[in-house]
C-alpha atoms as a PDB file:
ATOM      1  CA  MET A   1       0.059   0.290   0.133  1.00  0.00           C
ATOM      2  CA  SER A   2       1.353   3.477  -0.970  1.00  0.00           C
ATOM      3  CA  LYS A   3       1.787   5.960   1.379  1.00  0.00           C
ATOM      4  CA  SER A   4      -0.942   7.947  -0.222  1.00  0.00           C
ATOM      5  CA  ALA A   5      -3.641   5.618   0.090  1.00  0.00           C
ATOM      6  CA  LYS A   6      -2.481   5.276   3.965  1.00  0.00           C
ATOM      7  CA  THR A   7      -3.689   8.815   4.896  1.00  0.00           C
ATOM      8  CA  VAL A   8      -6.488   7.995   3.261  1.00  0.00           C
ATOM      9  CA  LEU A   9      -7.107   4.151   4.822  1.00  0.00           C
ATOM     10  CA  TYR A  10      -6.235   6.611   8.143  1.00  0.00           C
ATOM     11  CA  PHE A  11      -8.716   9.006   6.956  1.00  0.00           C
ATOM     12  CA  SER A  12     -10.913   6.142   6.545  1.00  0.00           C
ATOM     13  CA  TYR A  13     -11.071   5.043  10.760  1.00  0.00           C
ATOM     14  CA  TYR A  14     -11.547   8.289  11.328  1.00  0.00           C
ATOM     15  CA  LEU A  15     -14.344   7.860   9.581  1.00  0.00           C
ATOM     16  CA  PHE A  16     -15.749   4.914  11.294  1.00  0.00           C
ATOM     17  CA  PHE A  17     -15.446   6.292  14.594  1.00  0.00           C
ATOM     18  CA  ILE A  18     -17.538   9.616  13.691  1.00  0.00           C
ATOM     19  CA  GLY A  19     -20.480   7.269  11.957  1.00  0.00           C
ATOM     20  CA  ALA A  20     -20.719   4.564  14.810  1.00  0.00           C
ATOM     21  CA  GLN A  21     -20.940   8.232  17.496  1.00  0.00           C
ATOM     22  CA  LEU A  22     -23.801   9.341  14.833  1.00  0.00           C
ATOM     23  CA  ALA A  23     -25.416   6.554  13.929  1.00  0.00           C
ATOM     24  CA  ILE A  24     -24.690   4.862  16.883  1.00  0.00           C
ATOM     25  CA  VAL A  25     -24.720   6.562  20.406  1.00  0.00           C
ATOM     26  CA  PRO A  26     -25.888   9.793  19.407  1.00  0.00           C
ATOM     27  CA  LYS A  27     -25.561  11.410  22.556  1.00  0.00           C
ATOM     28  CA  LEU A  28     -22.262  10.766  23.630  1.00  0.00           C
ATOM     29  CA  PHE A  29     -21.467  12.880  20.743  1.00  0.00           C
ATOM     30  CA  THR A  30     -23.716  15.783  20.846  1.00  0.00           C
ATOM     31  CA  ASP A  31     -22.370  15.973  24.687  1.00  0.00           C
ATOM     32  CA  LEU A  32     -18.362  15.607  23.717  1.00  0.00           C
ATOM     33  CA  TRP A  33     -19.346  18.077  21.024  1.00  0.00           C
ATOM     34  CA  LYS A  34     -21.271  20.238  23.385  1.00  0.00           C
ATOM     35  CA  LEU A  35     -24.120  20.195  20.796  1.00  0.00           C
ATOM     36  CA  PRO A  36     -27.807  20.254  21.024  1.00  0.00           C
ATOM     37  CA  GLU A  37     -28.652  16.466  21.805  1.00  0.00           C
ATOM     38  CA  THR A  38     -31.584  15.091  19.564  1.00  0.00           C
ATOM     39  CA  ASN A  39     -34.056  12.357  18.873  1.00  0.00           C
ATOM     40  CA  GLU A  40     -34.699  13.252  15.746  1.00  0.00           C
ATOM     41  CA  PRO A  41     -33.068  10.124  12.709  1.00  0.00           C
ATOM     42  CA  TRP A  42     -31.137  13.251  10.962  1.00  0.00           C
ATOM     43  CA  ILE A  43     -27.850  12.545  13.718  1.00  0.00           C
ATOM     44  CA  ARG A  44     -28.298   8.639  12.740  1.00  0.00           C
ATOM     45  CA  VAL A  45     -29.042   9.348   9.415  1.00  0.00           C
ATOM     46  CA  VAL A  46     -25.800  11.081   9.107  1.00  0.00           C
ATOM     47  CA  GLY A  47     -24.324   8.614  11.289  1.00  0.00           C
ATOM     48  CA  ILE A  48     -24.946   5.680   8.677  1.00  0.00           C
ATOM     49  CA  LEU A  49     -23.881   8.178   5.644  1.00  0.00           C
ATOM     50  CA  ALA A  50     -19.973   8.789   7.493  1.00  0.00           C
ATOM     51  CA  LEU A  51     -19.845   4.939   7.768  1.00  0.00           C
ATOM     52  CA  ILE A  52     -20.869   4.697   4.191  1.00  0.00           C
ATOM     53  CA  LEU A  53     -17.612   7.022   3.338  1.00  0.00           C
ATOM     54  CA  GLY A  54     -15.295   4.849   5.603  1.00  0.00           C
ATOM     55  CA  PHE A  55     -16.075   2.204   3.838  1.00  0.00           C
ATOM     56  CA  TYR A  56     -15.688   3.335   0.427  1.00  0.00           C
ATOM     57  CA  TYR A  57     -12.488   5.387   1.446  1.00  0.00           C
ATOM     58  CA  HIS A  58     -10.998   2.313   3.326  1.00  0.00           C
ATOM     59  CA  GLN A  59     -11.637  -0.279   0.269  1.00  0.00           C
ATOM     60  CA  SER A  60     -10.150   2.281  -2.146  1.00  0.00           C
ATOM     61  CA  ALA A  61      -6.558   3.156  -0.088  1.00  0.00           C
ATOM     62  CA  LYS A  62      -6.622  -0.565   0.065  1.00  0.00           C
ATOM     63  CA  LYS A  63      -6.919  -1.199  -3.193  1.00  0.00           C
ATOM     64  CA  ASP A  64      -4.703   1.688  -3.903  1.00  0.00           C
ATOM     65  CA  LEU A  65      -7.011   3.027  -6.331  1.00  0.00           C
ATOM     66  CA  THR A  66      -5.201   6.564  -6.860  1.00  0.00           C
ATOM     67  CA  GLU A  67      -7.490   8.977  -9.070  1.00  0.00           C
ATOM     68  CA  PHE A  68      -9.922   7.824  -5.690  1.00  0.00           C
ATOM     69  CA  LEU A  69      -7.310   9.177  -3.379  1.00  0.00           C
ATOM     70  CA  LYS A  70      -7.255  11.779  -5.447  1.00  0.00           C
ATOM     71  CA  LEU A  71     -11.225  13.072  -5.552  1.00  0.00           C
ATOM     72  CA  THR A  72     -11.168  12.349  -1.433  1.00  0.00           C
ATOM     73  CA  VAL A  73      -8.683  15.353  -1.438  1.00  0.00           C
ATOM     74  CA  TRP A  74     -11.057  17.709  -3.434  1.00  0.00           C
ATOM     75  CA  GLY A  75     -14.522  16.600  -1.497  1.00  0.00           C
ATOM     76  CA  ARG A  76     -12.830  16.790   1.840  1.00  0.00           C
ATOM     77  CA  MET A  77     -11.377  20.744   1.193  1.00  0.00           C
ATOM     78  CA  LEU A  78     -15.076  20.932   0.158  1.00  0.00           C
ATOM     79  CA  TYR A  79     -16.349  19.036   3.379  1.00  0.00           C
ATOM     80  CA  PHE A  80     -14.303  22.395   4.709  1.00  0.00           C
ATOM     81  CA  LEU A  81     -15.734  24.849   3.090  1.00  0.00           C
ATOM     82  CA  GLY A  82     -19.291  24.239   3.278  1.00  0.00           C
ATOM     83  CA  SER A  83     -18.822  23.660   7.179  1.00  0.00           C
ATOM     84  CA  THR A  84     -16.802  26.743   7.598  1.00  0.00           C
ATOM     85  CA  ILE A  85     -19.805  28.732   5.937  1.00  0.00           C
ATOM     86  CA  LEU A  86     -22.322  27.298   7.645  1.00  0.00           C
ATOM     87  CA  VAL A  87     -20.925  28.344  10.311  1.00  0.00           C
ATOM     88  CA  ILE A  88     -20.315  31.976   9.550  1.00  0.00           C
ATOM     89  CA  ALA A  89     -23.947  31.960   8.382  1.00  0.00           C
ATOM     90  CA  GLY A  90     -24.559  31.456  11.989  1.00  0.00           C
ATOM     91  CA  ILE A  91     -26.780  28.457  11.300  1.00  0.00           C
ATOM     92  CA  ALA A  92     -23.928  25.991  12.857  1.00  0.00           C
ATOM     93  CA  PRO A  93     -21.619  25.974  15.939  1.00  0.00           C
ATOM     94  CA  ILE A  94     -18.328  26.920  15.484  1.00  0.00           C
ATOM     95  CA  VAL A  95     -16.985  23.428  16.150  1.00  0.00           C
ATOM     96  CA  PHE A  96     -17.875  22.559  12.732  1.00  0.00           C
ATOM     97  CA  ILE A  97     -15.155  24.332  12.238  1.00  0.00           C
ATOM     98  CA  GLY A  98     -13.184  22.045  14.103  1.00  0.00           C
ATOM     99  CA  PHE A  99     -14.108  19.146  11.890  1.00  0.00           C
ATOM    100  CA  GLY A 100     -13.675  20.612   8.495  1.00  0.00           C
ATOM    101  CA  VAL A 101      -9.835  21.371   9.960  1.00  0.00           C
ATOM    102  CA  VAL A 102      -9.339  18.129   9.970  1.00  0.00           C
ATOM    103  CA  ASP A 103     -10.883  17.389   6.657  1.00  0.00           C
ATOM    104  CA  LEU A 104      -8.522  20.121   5.743  1.00  0.00           C
ATOM    105  CA  LEU A 105      -5.817  18.866   7.116  1.00  0.00           C
ATOM    106  CA  THR A 106      -5.818  15.339   6.051  1.00  0.00           C
ATOM    107  CA  ALA A 107      -6.598  16.463   2.489  1.00  0.00           C
ATOM    108  CA  ILE A 108      -2.902  18.400   2.343  1.00  0.00           C
ATOM    109  CA  TRP A 109      -1.433  14.865   3.806  1.00  0.00           C
ATOM    110  CA  THR A 110      -3.092  13.101   1.131  1.00  0.00           C
ATOM    111  CA  ARG A 111      -2.414  15.528  -1.344  1.00  0.00           C
ATOM    112  CA  GLN A 112       1.540  16.253  -0.564  1.00  0.00           C
ATOM    113  CA  THR A 113       2.419  12.242  -0.475  1.00  0.00           C
ATOM    114  CA  LEU A 114       0.505  11.978  -3.945  1.00  0.00           C
ATOM    115  CA  LYS A 115       2.557  14.738  -5.199  1.00  0.00           C
ATOM    116  CA  ALA A 116       6.012  13.100  -3.515  1.00  0.00           C
ATOM    117  CA  GLU A 117       4.756  10.183  -4.928  1.00  0.00           C
ATOM    118  CA  GLY A 118       4.774  11.634  -8.476  1.00  0.00           C
ATOM    119  CA  LYS A 119       1.303  10.425  -8.800  1.00  0.00           C
ATOM    120  CA  LEU A 120      -0.376  14.111  -8.974  1.00  0.00           C
END
């Protein structure tokens, strides 16, 4: 497995962790990040979606699918931009920028690794 694939593999673990919390124990997640508690099903749906994304990232990393690895860089940067816009617009609490920063930093890590490997 290439170094760039490993960066995406590690990010998949983050998605599995967040997804499992949201899908199984959303109260733990909302308490941890000081978010309003909700009993709405959307939070569990988001968790399931994060788990599915984690599966895609995990499998793509294991198979070293370079084109997908490149696309994840764009997706994670877009998540950072989107979460930042939501916070600036007053729609989401500031902690959402923190989640976006994780995506941004790992996207930069993957991009730099892809570049070092001559895949960009």
